[in-house]
Structure formats: C-alpha cells, structure tokens
Amino acid sequence: AEWLGEGGPRQVGRVMALYGGAVPWWRVVRADGLPLPGHEARA
C-alpha cells in the first residue's frame, strides 16, 4: 500500500483474498513474518 501510495494493509489484503490467486501471493505477507494462516505449507 505504501509503495502504491494509496490504500492500506486491509485494502491490499482484500485484493489479495479476492484476486491474488494468479500472482505470487506468498510474497505478500503479514508484518510479523508468519506464513498466511491456512496456507502455511504451500507458502
């Protein structure tokens, strides 16, 4: 969101949840460094 200069973490998360399956989703993560819950093994 900061790089784009618009929106925030929740808006980016919503986009990733709805449309992120076709891009390298595992490269967008929570700030604490834990893999995305429910997708840990694949990530």
PDB file of all heavy atoms in Angstrom:
ATOM      1  N   ALA A   1       0.831  -1.206   0.000  1.00  0.00           N
ATOM      2  CA  ALA A   1       0.000   0.000   0.000  1.00  0.00           C
ATOM      3  C   ALA A   1       0.867   1.258   0.000  1.00  0.00           C
ATOM      4  O   ALA A   1       0.600   2.207  -0.747  1.00  0.00           O
ATOM      5  CB  ALA A   1      -0.928  -0.004   1.212  1.00  0.00           C
ATOM      6  N   GLU A   2       1.912   1.253   0.809  1.00  0.00           N
ATOM      7  CA  GLU A   2       2.803   2.418   0.873  1.00  0.00           C
ATOM      8  C   GLU A   2       3.515   2.627  -0.459  1.00  0.00           C
ATOM      9  O   GLU A   2       3.655   3.743  -0.936  1.00  0.00           O
ATOM     10  CB  GLU A   2       3.824   2.217   1.994  1.00  0.00           C
ATOM     11  CG  GLU A   2       4.732   3.405   2.201  1.00  0.00           C
ATOM     12  CD  GLU A   2       5.679   3.205   3.365  1.00  0.00           C
ATOM     13  OE1 GLU A   2       5.315   2.524   4.341  1.00  0.00           O
ATOM     14  OE2 GLU A   2       6.797   3.741   3.285  1.00  0.00           O
ATOM     15  N   TRP A   3       3.962   1.535  -1.067  1.00  0.00           N
ATOM     16  CA  TRP A   3       4.655   1.630  -2.354  1.00  0.00           C
ATOM     17  C   TRP A   3       3.742   2.207  -3.427  1.00  0.00           C
ATOM     18  O   TRP A   3       4.155   3.000  -4.256  1.00  0.00           O
ATOM     19  CB  TRP A   3       5.187   0.251  -2.744  1.00  0.00           C
ATOM     20  CG  TRP A   3       6.172   0.271  -3.856  1.00  0.00           C
ATOM     21  CD1 TRP A   3       7.465   0.712  -3.814  1.00  0.00           C
ATOM     22  CD2 TRP A   3       5.961  -0.179  -5.189  1.00  0.00           C
ATOM     23  NE1 TRP A   3       8.057   0.556  -5.040  1.00  0.00           N
ATOM     24  CE2 TRP A   3       7.151   0.013  -5.906  1.00  0.00           C
ATOM     25  CE3 TRP A   3       4.864  -0.734  -5.850  1.00  0.00           C
ATOM     26  CZ2 TRP A   3       7.284  -0.323  -7.241  1.00  0.00           C
ATOM     27  CZ3 TRP A   3       5.003  -1.067  -7.188  1.00  0.00           C
ATOM     28  CH2 TRP A   3       6.206  -0.863  -7.863  1.00  0.00           C
ATOM     29  N   LEU A   4       2.461   1.799  -3.370  1.00  0.00           N
ATOM     30  CA  LEU A   4       1.490   2.318  -4.334  1.00  0.00           C
ATOM     31  C   LEU A   4       1.091   3.758  -4.026  1.00  0.00           C
ATOM     32  O   LEU A   4       0.638   4.479  -4.907  1.00  0.00           O
ATOM     33  CB  LEU A   4       0.227   1.447  -4.347  1.00  0.00           C
ATOM     34  CG  LEU A   4       0.364   0.058  -4.940  1.00  0.00           C
ATOM     35  CD1 LEU A   4      -0.911  -0.739  -4.704  1.00  0.00           C
ATOM     36  CD2 LEU A   4       0.682   0.138  -6.420  1.00  0.00           C
ATOM     37  N   GLY A   5       1.228   4.135  -2.755  1.00  0.00           N
ATOM     38  CA  GLY A   5       0.822   5.474  -2.355  1.00  0.00           C
ATOM     39  C   GLY A   5      -0.673   5.620  -2.176  1.00  0.00           C
ATOM     40  O   GLY A   5      -1.209   6.727  -2.193  1.00  0.00           O
ATOM     41  N   GLU A   6      -1.358   4.499  -1.952  1.00  0.00           N
ATOM     42  CA  GLU A   6      -2.805   4.549  -1.734  1.00  0.00           C
ATOM     43  C   GLU A   6      -3.268   3.296  -1.007  1.00  0.00           C
ATOM     44  O   GLU A   6      -2.628   2.256  -1.064  1.00  0.00           O
ATOM     45  CB  GLU A   6      -3.557   4.703  -3.056  1.00  0.00           C
ATOM     46  CG  GLU A   6      -3.352   3.556  -4.022  1.00  0.00           C
ATOM     47  CD  GLU A   6      -4.079   3.747  -5.340  1.00  0.00           C
ATOM     48  OE1 GLU A   6      -5.286   4.078  -5.330  1.00  0.00           O
ATOM     49  OE2 GLU A   6      -3.446   3.572  -6.384  1.00  0.00           O
ATOM     50  N   GLY A   7      -4.389   3.421  -0.317  1.00  0.00           N
ATOM     51  CA  GLY A   7      -4.938   2.299   0.425  1.00  0.00           C
ATOM     52  C   GLY A   7      -4.117   2.007   1.662  1.00  0.00           C
ATOM     53  O   GLY A   7      -3.292   2.805   2.093  1.00  0.00           O
ATOM     54  N   GLY A   8      -4.378   0.860   2.235  1.00  0.00           N
ATOM     55  CA  GLY A   8      -3.674   0.424   3.429  1.00  0.00           C
ATOM     56  C   GLY A   8      -3.577  -1.087   3.435  1.00  0.00           C
ATOM     57  O   GLY A   8      -4.008  -1.755   2.483  1.00  0.00           O
ATOM     58  N   PRO A   9      -3.037  -1.660   4.523  1.00  0.00           N
ATOM     59  CA  PRO A   9      -2.857  -3.116   4.582  1.00  0.00           C
ATOM     60  C   PRO A   9      -4.156  -3.896   4.385  1.00  0.00           C
ATOM     61  O   PRO A   9      -4.162  -4.921   3.705  1.00  0.00           O
ATOM     62  CB  PRO A   9      -2.283  -3.362   5.978  1.00  0.00           C
ATOM     63  CG  PRO A   9      -1.777  -2.048   6.449  1.00  0.00           C
ATOM     64  CD  PRO A   9      -2.528  -0.987   5.709  1.00  0.00           C
ATOM     65  N   ARG A  10      -5.237  -3.410   4.962  1.00  0.00           N
ATOM     66  CA  ARG A  10      -6.511  -4.141   4.830  1.00  0.00           C
ATOM     67  C   ARG A  10      -7.020  -4.142   3.391  1.00  0.00           C
ATOM     68  O   ARG A  10      -7.561  -5.137   2.917  1.00  0.00           O
ATOM     69  CB  ARG A  10      -7.565  -3.568   5.775  1.00  0.00           C
ATOM     70  CG  ARG A  10      -7.243  -3.870   7.225  1.00  0.00           C
ATOM     71  CD  ARG A  10      -8.340  -3.355   8.145  1.00  0.00           C
ATOM     72  NE  ARG A  10      -7.966  -3.483   9.527  1.00  0.00           N
ATOM     73  CZ  ARG A  10      -8.216  -4.555  10.278  1.00  0.00           C
ATOM     74  NH1 ARG A  10      -8.839  -5.589   9.755  1.00  0.00           N
ATOM     75  NH2 ARG A  10      -7.840  -4.592  11.532  1.00  0.00           N
ATOM     76  N   GLN A  11      -6.853  -3.026   2.704  1.00  0.00           N
ATOM     77  CA  GLN A  11      -7.292  -2.956   1.308  1.00  0.00           C
ATOM     78  C   GLN A  11      -6.453  -3.894   0.434  1.00  0.00           C
ATOM     79  O   GLN A  11      -6.983  -4.588  -0.435  1.00  0.00           O
ATOM     80  CB  GLN A  11      -7.211  -1.520   0.783  1.00  0.00           C
ATOM     81  CG  GLN A  11      -8.249  -0.592   1.370  1.00  0.00           C
ATOM     82  CD  GLN A  11      -7.895  -0.065   2.758  1.00  0.00           C
ATOM     83  OE1 GLN A  11      -6.771  -0.193   3.230  1.00  0.00           O
ATOM     84  NE2 GLN A  11      -8.865   0.515   3.425  1.00  0.00           N
ATOM     85  N   VAL A  12      -5.144  -3.917   0.675  1.00  0.00           N
ATOM     86  CA  VAL A  12      -4.279  -4.830  -0.078  1.00  0.00           C
ATOM     87  C   VAL A  12      -4.659  -6.275   0.245  1.00  0.00           C
ATOM     88  O   VAL A  12      -4.763  -7.122  -0.654  1.00  0.00           O
ATOM     89  CB  VAL A  12      -2.793  -4.566   0.225  1.00  0.00           C
ATOM     90  CG1 VAL A  12      -1.907  -5.649  -0.394  1.00  0.00           C
ATOM     91  CG2 VAL A  12      -2.382  -3.188  -0.282  1.00  0.00           C
ATOM     92  N   GLY A  13      -4.903  -6.572   1.519  1.00  0.00           N
ATOM     93  CA  GLY A  13      -5.313  -7.918   1.912  1.00  0.00           C
ATOM     94  C   GLY A  13      -6.604  -8.346   1.245  1.00  0.00           C
ATOM     95  O   GLY A  13      -6.751  -9.497   0.813  1.00  0.00           O
ATOM     96  N   ARG A  14      -7.542  -7.427   1.144  1.00  0.00           N
ATOM     97  CA  ARG A  14      -8.823  -7.735   0.493  1.00  0.00           C
ATOM     98  C   ARG A  14      -8.614  -8.049  -0.989  1.00  0.00           C
ATOM     99  O   ARG A  14      -9.177  -9.003  -1.515  1.00  0.00           O
ATOM    100  CB  ARG A  14      -9.779  -6.544   0.661  1.00  0.00           C
ATOM    101  CG  ARG A  14     -11.130  -6.768   0.063  1.00  0.00           C
ATOM    102  CD  ARG A  14     -11.956  -7.684   0.908  1.00  0.00           C
ATOM    103  NE  ARG A  14     -13.294  -7.769   0.336  1.00  0.00           N
ATOM    104  CZ  ARG A  14     -14.056  -8.833   0.439  1.00  0.00           C
ATOM    105  NH1 ARG A  14     -13.640  -9.879   1.120  1.00  0.00           N
ATOM    106  NH2 ARG A  14     -15.231  -8.856  -0.103  1.00  0.00           N
ATOM    107  N   VAL A  15      -7.790  -7.248  -1.654  1.00  0.00           N
ATOM    108  CA  VAL A  15      -7.489  -7.513  -3.066  1.00  0.00           C
ATOM    109  C   VAL A  15      -6.844  -8.886  -3.205  1.00  0.00           C
ATOM    110  O   VAL A  15      -7.224  -9.675  -4.081  1.00  0.00           O
ATOM    111  CB  VAL A  15      -6.571  -6.417  -3.658  1.00  0.00           C
ATOM    112  CG1 VAL A  15      -6.025  -6.838  -5.011  1.00  0.00           C
ATOM    113  CG2 VAL A  15      -7.314  -5.097  -3.757  1.00  0.00           C
ATOM    114  N   MET A  16      -5.884  -9.185  -2.338  1.00  0.00           N
ATOM    115  CA  MET A  16      -5.202 -10.476  -2.426  1.00  0.00           C
ATOM    116  C   MET A  16      -6.167 -11.629  -2.170  1.00  0.00           C
ATOM    117  O   MET A  16      -6.088 -12.664  -2.826  1.00  0.00           O
ATOM    118  CB  MET A  16      -4.018 -10.522  -1.461  1.00  0.00           C
ATOM    119  CG  MET A  16      -2.896  -9.558  -1.814  1.00  0.00           C
ATOM    120  SD  MET A  16      -2.203  -9.812  -3.460  1.00  0.00           S
ATOM    121  CE  MET A  16      -1.448 -11.429  -3.239  1.00  0.00           C
ATOM    122  N   ALA A  17      -7.086 -11.452  -1.218  1.00  0.00           N
ATOM    123  CA  ALA A  17      -8.059 -12.510  -0.919  1.00  0.00           C
ATOM    124  C   ALA A  17      -8.992 -12.755  -2.101  1.00  0.00           C
ATOM    125  O   ALA A  17      -9.338 -13.901  -2.399  1.00  0.00           O
ATOM    126  CB  ALA A  17      -8.867 -12.142   0.328  1.00  0.00           C
ATOM    127  N   LEU A  18      -9.385 -11.703  -2.788  1.00  0.00           N
ATOM    128  CA  LEU A  18     -10.335 -11.840  -3.888  1.00  0.00           C
ATOM    129  C   LEU A  18      -9.692 -12.198  -5.223  1.00  0.00           C
ATOM    130  O   LEU A  18     -10.261 -12.948  -6.008  1.00  0.00           O
ATOM    131  CB  LEU A  18     -11.129 -10.541  -4.059  1.00  0.00           C
ATOM    132  CG  LEU A  18     -12.070 -10.177  -2.921  1.00  0.00           C
ATOM    133  CD1 LEU A  18     -12.673  -8.798  -3.158  1.00  0.00           C
ATOM    134  CD2 LEU A  18     -13.165 -11.226  -2.773  1.00  0.00           C
ATOM    135  N   TYR A  19      -8.497 -11.643  -5.491  1.00  0.00           N
ATOM    136  CA  TYR A  19      -7.923 -11.750  -6.830  1.00  0.00           C
ATOM    137  C   TYR A  19      -6.490 -12.276  -6.867  1.00  0.00           C
ATOM    138  O   TYR A  19      -5.921 -12.406  -7.942  1.00  0.00           O
ATOM    139  CB  TYR A  19      -7.919 -10.367  -7.512  1.00  0.00           C
ATOM    140  CG  TYR A  19      -9.238  -9.640  -7.480  1.00  0.00           C
ATOM    141  CD1 TYR A  19      -9.405  -8.514  -6.671  1.00  0.00           C
ATOM    142  CD2 TYR A  19     -10.314 -10.070  -8.252  1.00  0.00           C
ATOM    143  CE1 TYR A  19     -10.614  -7.840  -6.646  1.00  0.00           C
ATOM    144  CE2 TYR A  19     -11.521  -9.400  -8.225  1.00  0.00           C
ATOM    145  CZ  TYR A  19     -11.672  -8.287  -7.418  1.00  0.00           C
ATOM    146  OH  TYR A  19     -12.862  -7.613  -7.391  1.00  0.00           O
ATOM    147  N   GLY A  20      -5.885 -12.558  -5.721  1.00  0.00           N
ATOM    148  CA  GLY A  20      -4.455 -12.846  -5.667  1.00  0.00           C
ATOM    149  C   GLY A  20      -4.008 -14.225  -6.092  1.00  0.00           C
ATOM    150  O   GLY A  20      -2.808 -14.488  -6.131  1.00  0.00           O
ATOM    151  N   GLY A  21      -4.898 -15.116  -6.428  1.00  0.00           N
ATOM    152  CA  GLY A  21      -4.510 -16.475  -6.768  1.00  0.00           C
ATOM    153  C   GLY A  21      -3.653 -16.614  -8.008  1.00  0.00           C
ATOM    154  O   GLY A  21      -2.923 -17.590  -8.159  1.00  0.00           O
ATOM    155  N   ALA A  22      -3.706 -15.633  -8.902  1.00  0.00           N
ATOM    156  CA  ALA A  22      -2.972 -15.731 -10.165  1.00  0.00           C
ATOM    157  C   ALA A  22      -1.604 -15.049 -10.111  1.00  0.00           C
ATOM    158  O   ALA A  22      -0.883 -15.046 -11.096  1.00  0.00           O
ATOM    159  CB  ALA A  22      -3.803 -15.119 -11.296  1.00  0.00           C
ATOM    160  N   VAL A  23      -1.254 -14.472  -8.973  1.00  0.00           N
ATOM    161  CA  VAL A  23       0.047 -13.807  -8.805  1.00  0.00           C
ATOM    162  C   VAL A  23       0.795 -14.516  -7.672  1.00  0.00           C
ATOM    163  O   VAL A  23       0.212 -15.327  -6.952  1.00  0.00           O
ATOM    164  CB  VAL A  23      -0.129 -12.299  -8.505  1.00  0.00           C
ATOM    165  CG1 VAL A  23      -0.818 -11.589  -9.668  1.00  0.00           C
ATOM    166  CG2 VAL A  23      -0.866 -12.063  -7.208  1.00  0.00           C
ATOM    167  N   PRO A  24       2.080 -14.228  -7.486  1.00  0.00           N
ATOM    168  CA  PRO A  24       2.836 -14.887  -6.404  1.00  0.00           C
ATOM    169  C   PRO A  24       2.400 -14.388  -5.020  1.00  0.00           C
ATOM    170  O   PRO A  24       3.085 -13.605  -4.363  1.00  0.00           O
ATOM    171  CB  PRO A  24       4.293 -14.555  -6.721  1.00  0.00           C
ATOM    172  CG  PRO A  24       4.263 -13.405  -7.652  1.00  0.00           C
ATOM    173  CD  PRO A  24       2.941 -13.411  -8.337  1.00  0.00           C
ATOM    174  N   TRP A  25       1.239 -14.843  -4.576  1.00  0.00           N
ATOM    175  CA  TRP A  25       0.597 -14.402  -3.339  1.00  0.00           C
ATOM    176  C   TRP A  25       1.468 -14.611  -2.110  1.00  0.00           C
ATOM    177  O   TRP A  25       1.376 -13.869  -1.142  1.00  0.00           O
ATOM    178  CB  TRP A  25      -0.744 -15.123  -3.154  1.00  0.00           C
ATOM    179  CG  TRP A  25      -0.625 -16.615  -3.208  1.00  0.00           C
ATOM    180  CD1 TRP A  25      -0.795 -17.391  -4.314  1.00  0.00           C
ATOM    181  CD2 TRP A  25      -0.269 -17.497  -2.145  1.00  0.00           C
ATOM    182  NE1 TRP A  25      -0.571 -18.718  -3.999  1.00  0.00           N
ATOM    183  CE2 TRP A  25      -0.251 -18.816  -2.675  1.00  0.00           C
ATOM    184  CE3 TRP A  25       0.023 -17.323  -0.794  1.00  0.00           C
ATOM    185  CZ2 TRP A  25       0.052 -19.926  -1.898  1.00  0.00           C
ATOM    186  CZ3 TRP A  25       0.336 -18.426  -0.016  1.00  0.00           C
ATOM    187  CH2 TRP A  25       0.344 -19.723  -0.568  1.00  0.00           C
ATOM    188  N   TRP A  26       2.337 -15.608  -2.137  1.00  0.00           N
ATOM    189  CA  TRP A  26       3.171 -15.922  -0.975  1.00  0.00           C
ATOM    190  C   TRP A  26       4.226 -14.843  -0.723  1.00  0.00           C
ATOM    191  O   TRP A  26       4.842 -14.820   0.331  1.00  0.00           O
ATOM    192  CB  TRP A  26       3.848 -17.287  -1.153  1.00  0.00           C
ATOM    193  CG  TRP A  26       4.703 -17.363  -2.383  1.00  0.00           C
ATOM    194  CD1 TRP A  26       6.035 -17.097  -2.481  1.00  0.00           C
ATOM    195  CD2 TRP A  26       4.280 -17.715  -3.699  1.00  0.00           C
ATOM    196  NE1 TRP A  26       6.468 -17.258  -3.785  1.00  0.00           N
ATOM    197  CE2 TRP A  26       5.406 -17.639  -4.552  1.00  0.00           C
ATOM    198  CE3 TRP A  26       3.048 -18.087  -4.254  1.00  0.00           C
ATOM    199  CZ2 TRP A  26       5.341 -17.918  -5.914  1.00  0.00           C
ATOM    200  CZ3 TRP A  26       2.999 -18.361  -5.606  1.00  0.00           C
ATOM    201  CH2 TRP A  26       4.139 -18.280  -6.424  1.00  0.00           C
ATOM    202  N   ARG A  27       4.402 -13.936  -1.666  1.00  0.00           N
ATOM    203  CA  ARG A  27       5.380 -12.855  -1.497  1.00  0.00           C
ATOM    204  C   ARG A  27       4.780 -11.627  -0.813  1.00  0.00           C
ATOM    205  O   ARG A  27       5.483 -10.653  -0.581  1.00  0.00           O
ATOM    206  CB  ARG A  27       5.971 -12.456  -2.841  1.00  0.00           C
ATOM    207  CG  ARG A  27       6.762 -13.581  -3.481  1.00  0.00           C
ATOM    208  CD  ARG A  27       7.389 -13.152  -4.776  1.00  0.00           C
ATOM    209  NE  ARG A  27       7.905 -14.318  -5.484  1.00  0.00           N
ATOM    210  CZ  ARG A  27       7.985 -14.407  -6.799  1.00  0.00           C
ATOM    211  NH1 ARG A  27       7.629 -13.395  -7.560  1.00  0.00           N
ATOM    212  NH2 ARG A  27       8.450 -15.516  -7.358  1.00  0.00           N
ATOM    213  N   VAL A  28       3.492 -11.666  -0.487  1.00  0.00           N
ATOM    214  CA  VAL A  28       2.847 -10.591   0.279  1.00  0.00           C
ATOM    215  C   VAL A  28       2.446 -11.207   1.612  1.00  0.00           C
ATOM    216  O   VAL A  28       1.681 -12.168   1.657  1.00  0.00           O
ATOM    217  CB  VAL A  28       1.625 -10.019  -0.466  1.00  0.00           C
ATOM    218  CG1 VAL A  28       0.996  -8.890   0.336  1.00  0.00           C
ATOM    219  CG2 VAL A  28       2.022  -9.543  -1.845  1.00  0.00           C
ATOM    220  N   VAL A  29       3.009 -10.653   2.681  1.00  0.00           N
ATOM    221  CA  VAL A  29       2.914 -11.319   3.980  1.00  0.00           C
ATOM    222  C   VAL A  29       2.509 -10.358   5.090  1.00  0.00           C
ATOM    223  O   VAL A  29       2.534  -9.143   4.928  1.00  0.00           O
ATOM    224  CB  VAL A  29       4.274 -11.968   4.336  1.00  0.00           C
ATOM    225  CG1 VAL A  29       4.678 -12.988   3.283  1.00  0.00           C
ATOM    226  CG2 VAL A  29       5.359 -10.923   4.512  1.00  0.00           C
ATOM    227  N   ARG A  30       2.195 -10.958   6.216  1.00  0.00           N
ATOM    228  CA  ARG A  30       1.933 -10.187   7.433  1.00  0.00           C
ATOM    229  C   ARG A  30       3.252  -9.616   7.945  1.00  0.00           C
ATOM    230  O   ARG A  30       4.316 -10.187   7.710  1.00  0.00           O
ATOM    231  CB  ARG A  30       1.318 -11.090   8.494  1.00  0.00           C
ATOM    232  CG  ARG A  30       0.006 -11.677   8.084  1.00  0.00           C
ATOM    233  CD  ARG A  30      -0.570 -12.719   9.001  1.00  0.00           C
ATOM    234  NE  ARG A  30       0.122 -12.936  10.259  1.00  0.00           N
ATOM    235  CZ  ARG A  30      -0.346 -13.706  11.220  1.00  0.00           C
ATOM    236  NH1 ARG A  30      -1.497 -14.316  11.077  1.00  0.00           N
ATOM    237  NH2 ARG A  30       0.331 -13.876  12.324  1.00  0.00           N
ATOM    238  N   ALA A  31       3.172  -8.537   8.652  1.00  0.00           N
ATOM    239  CA  ALA A  31       4.376  -7.864   9.147  1.00  0.00           C
ATOM    240  C   ALA A  31       5.158  -8.710  10.147  1.00  0.00           C
ATOM    241  O   ALA A  31       6.358  -8.514  10.315  1.00  0.00           O
ATOM    242  CB  ALA A  31       4.005  -6.523   9.768  1.00  0.00           C
ATOM    243  N   ASP A  32       4.503  -9.673  10.793  1.00  0.00           N
ATOM    244  CA  ASP A  32       5.210 -10.500  11.786  1.00  0.00           C
ATOM    245  C   ASP A  32       6.009 -11.641  11.163  1.00  0.00           C
ATOM    246  O   ASP A  32       6.710 -12.363  11.856  1.00  0.00           O
ATOM    247  CB  ASP A  32       4.251 -11.039  12.843  1.00  0.00           C
ATOM    248  CG  ASP A  32       3.187 -11.984  12.291  1.00  0.00           C
ATOM    249  OD1 ASP A  32       3.240 -12.366  11.096  1.00  0.00           O
ATOM    250  OD2 ASP A  32       2.291 -12.366  13.065  1.00  0.00           O
ATOM    251  N   GLY A  33       5.923 -11.813   9.846  1.00  0.00           N
ATOM    252  CA  GLY A  33       6.716 -12.825   9.164  1.00  0.00           C
ATOM    253  C   GLY A  33       6.144 -14.227   9.193  1.00  0.00           C
ATOM    254  O   GLY A  33       6.752 -15.148   8.653  1.00  0.00           O
ATOM    255  N   LEU A  34       4.985 -14.411   9.803  1.00  0.00           N
ATOM    256  CA  LEU A  34       4.364 -15.734   9.805  1.00  0.00           C
ATOM    257  C   LEU A  34       3.670 -15.981   8.473  1.00  0.00           C
ATOM    258  O   LEU A  34       3.076 -15.067   7.904  1.00  0.00           O
ATOM    259  CB  LEU A  34       3.349 -15.859  10.943  1.00  0.00           C
ATOM    260  CG  LEU A  34       3.942 -15.941  12.343  1.00  0.00           C
ATOM    261  CD1 LEU A  34       2.838 -15.890  13.398  1.00  0.00           C
ATOM    262  CD2 LEU A  34       4.752 -17.216  12.497  1.00  0.00           C
ATOM    263  N   PRO A  35       3.744 -17.213   7.969  1.00  0.00           N
ATOM    264  CA  PRO A  35       3.043 -17.525   6.718  1.00  0.00           C
ATOM    265  C   PRO A  35       1.537 -17.328   6.871  1.00  0.00           C
ATOM    266  O   PRO A  35       0.993 -17.396   7.975  1.00  0.00           O
ATOM    267  CB  PRO A  35       3.367 -19.003   6.474  1.00  0.00           C
ATOM    268  CG  PRO A  35       4.611 -19.248   7.252  1.00  0.00           C
ATOM    269  CD  PRO A  35       4.524 -18.350   8.450  1.00  0.00           C
ATOM    270  N   LEU A  36       0.886 -17.084   5.760  1.00  0.00           N
ATOM    271  CA  LEU A  36      -0.550 -16.856   5.730  1.00  0.00           C
ATOM    272  C   LEU A  36      -1.290 -18.026   6.377  1.00  0.00           C
ATOM    273  O   LEU A  36      -1.116 -19.182   5.955  1.00  0.00           O
ATOM    274  CB  LEU A  36      -1.005 -16.689   4.276  1.00  0.00           C
ATOM    275  CG  LEU A  36      -2.463 -16.368   4.031  1.00  0.00           C
ATOM    276  CD1 LEU A  36      -2.805 -15.002   4.606  1.00  0.00           C
ATOM    277  CD2 LEU A  36      -2.742 -16.400   2.542  1.00  0.00           C
ATOM    278  N   PRO A  37      -2.090 -17.773   7.424  1.00  0.00           N
ATOM    279  CA  PRO A  37      -2.823 -18.851   8.091  1.00  0.00           C
ATOM    280  C   PRO A  37      -3.678 -19.646   7.102  1.00  0.00           C
ATOM    281  O   PRO A  37      -4.364 -19.076   6.268  1.00  0.00           O
ATOM    282  CB  PRO A  37      -3.696 -18.123   9.117  1.00  0.00           C
ATOM    283  CG  PRO A  37      -2.988 -16.829   9.362  1.00  0.00           C
ATOM    284  CD  PRO A  37      -2.351 -16.467   8.039  1.00  0.00           C
ATOM    285  N   GLY A  38      -3.573 -20.940   7.199  1.00  0.00           N
ATOM    286  CA  GLY A  38      -4.310 -21.824   6.308  1.00  0.00           C
ATOM    287  C   GLY A  38      -3.554 -22.174   5.040  1.00  0.00           C
ATOM    288  O   GLY A  38      -3.947 -23.076   4.306  1.00  0.00           O
ATOM    289  N   HIS A  39      -2.487 -21.451   4.772  1.00  0.00           N
ATOM    290  CA  HIS A  39      -1.699 -21.677   3.563  1.00  0.00           C
ATOM    291  C   HIS A  39      -0.218 -21.860   3.893  1.00  0.00           C
ATOM    292  O   HIS A  39       0.635 -21.724   3.018  1.00  0.00           O
ATOM    293  CB  HIS A  39      -1.860 -20.501   2.585  1.00  0.00           C
ATOM    294  CG  HIS A  39      -3.279 -20.270   2.168  1.00  0.00           C
ATOM    295  ND1 HIS A  39      -3.888 -20.988   1.177  1.00  0.00           N
ATOM    296  CD2 HIS A  39      -4.211 -19.420   2.646  1.00  0.00           C
ATOM    297  CE1 HIS A  39      -5.138 -20.576   1.047  1.00  0.00           C
ATOM    298  NE2 HIS A  39      -5.354 -19.625   1.925  1.00  0.00           N
ATOM    299  N   GLU A  40       0.068 -22.169   5.150  1.00  0.00           N
ATOM    300  CA  GLU A  40       1.456 -22.262   5.608  1.00  0.00           C
ATOM    301  C   GLU A  40       2.289 -23.242   4.799  1.00  0.00           C
ATOM    302  O   GLU A  40       3.399 -22.902   4.370  1.00  0.00           O
ATOM    303  CB  GLU A  40       1.521 -22.656   7.097  1.00  0.00           C
ATOM    304  CG  GLU A  40       0.892 -21.674   8.041  1.00  0.00           C
ATOM    305  CD  GLU A  40      -0.566 -21.987   8.358  1.00  0.00           C
ATOM    306  OE1 GLU A  40      -1.203 -22.784   7.633  1.00  0.00           O
ATOM    307  OE2 GLU A  40      -1.063 -21.427   9.345  1.00  0.00           O
ATOM    308  N   ALA A  41       1.778 -24.450   4.598  1.00  0.00           N
ATOM    309  CA  ALA A  41       2.560 -25.485   3.910  1.00  0.00           C
ATOM    310  C   ALA A  41       2.879 -25.072   2.470  1.00  0.00           C
ATOM    311  O   ALA A  41       4.026 -25.199   2.028  1.00  0.00           O
ATOM    312  CB  ALA A  41       1.821 -26.821   3.928  1.00  0.00           C
ATOM    313  N   ARG A  42       1.880 -24.560   1.758  1.00  0.00           N
ATOM    314  CA  ARG A  42       2.111 -24.132   0.371  1.00  0.00           C
ATOM    315  C   ARG A  42       3.070 -22.955   0.312  1.00  0.00           C
ATOM    316  O   ARG A  42       3.955 -22.900  -0.544  1.00  0.00           O
ATOM    317  CB  ARG A  42       0.786 -23.786  -0.307  1.00  0.00           C
ATOM    318  CG  ARG A  42      -0.038 -25.027  -0.627  1.00  0.00           C
ATOM    319  CD  ARG A  42      -1.346 -24.723  -1.312  1.00  0.00           C
ATOM    320  NE  ARG A  42      -1.205 -23.859  -2.466  1.00  0.00           N
ATOM    321  CZ  ARG A  42      -2.111 -22.938  -2.819  1.00  0.00           C
ATOM    322  NH1 ARG A  42      -3.199 -22.768  -2.109  1.00  0.00           N
ATOM    323  NH2 ARG A  42      -1.927 -22.200  -3.882  1.00  0.00           N
ATOM    324  N   ALA A  43       2.902 -22.005   1.216  1.00  0.00           N
ATOM    325  CA  ALA A  43       3.797 -20.840   1.238  1.00  0.00           C
ATOM    326  C   ALA A  43       5.222 -21.278   1.537  1.00  0.00           C
ATOM    327  O   ALA A  43       6.167 -20.835   0.875  1.00  0.00           O
ATOM    328  CB  ALA A  43       3.311 -19.825   2.268  1.00  0.00           C
TER     329      ALA A  43
END
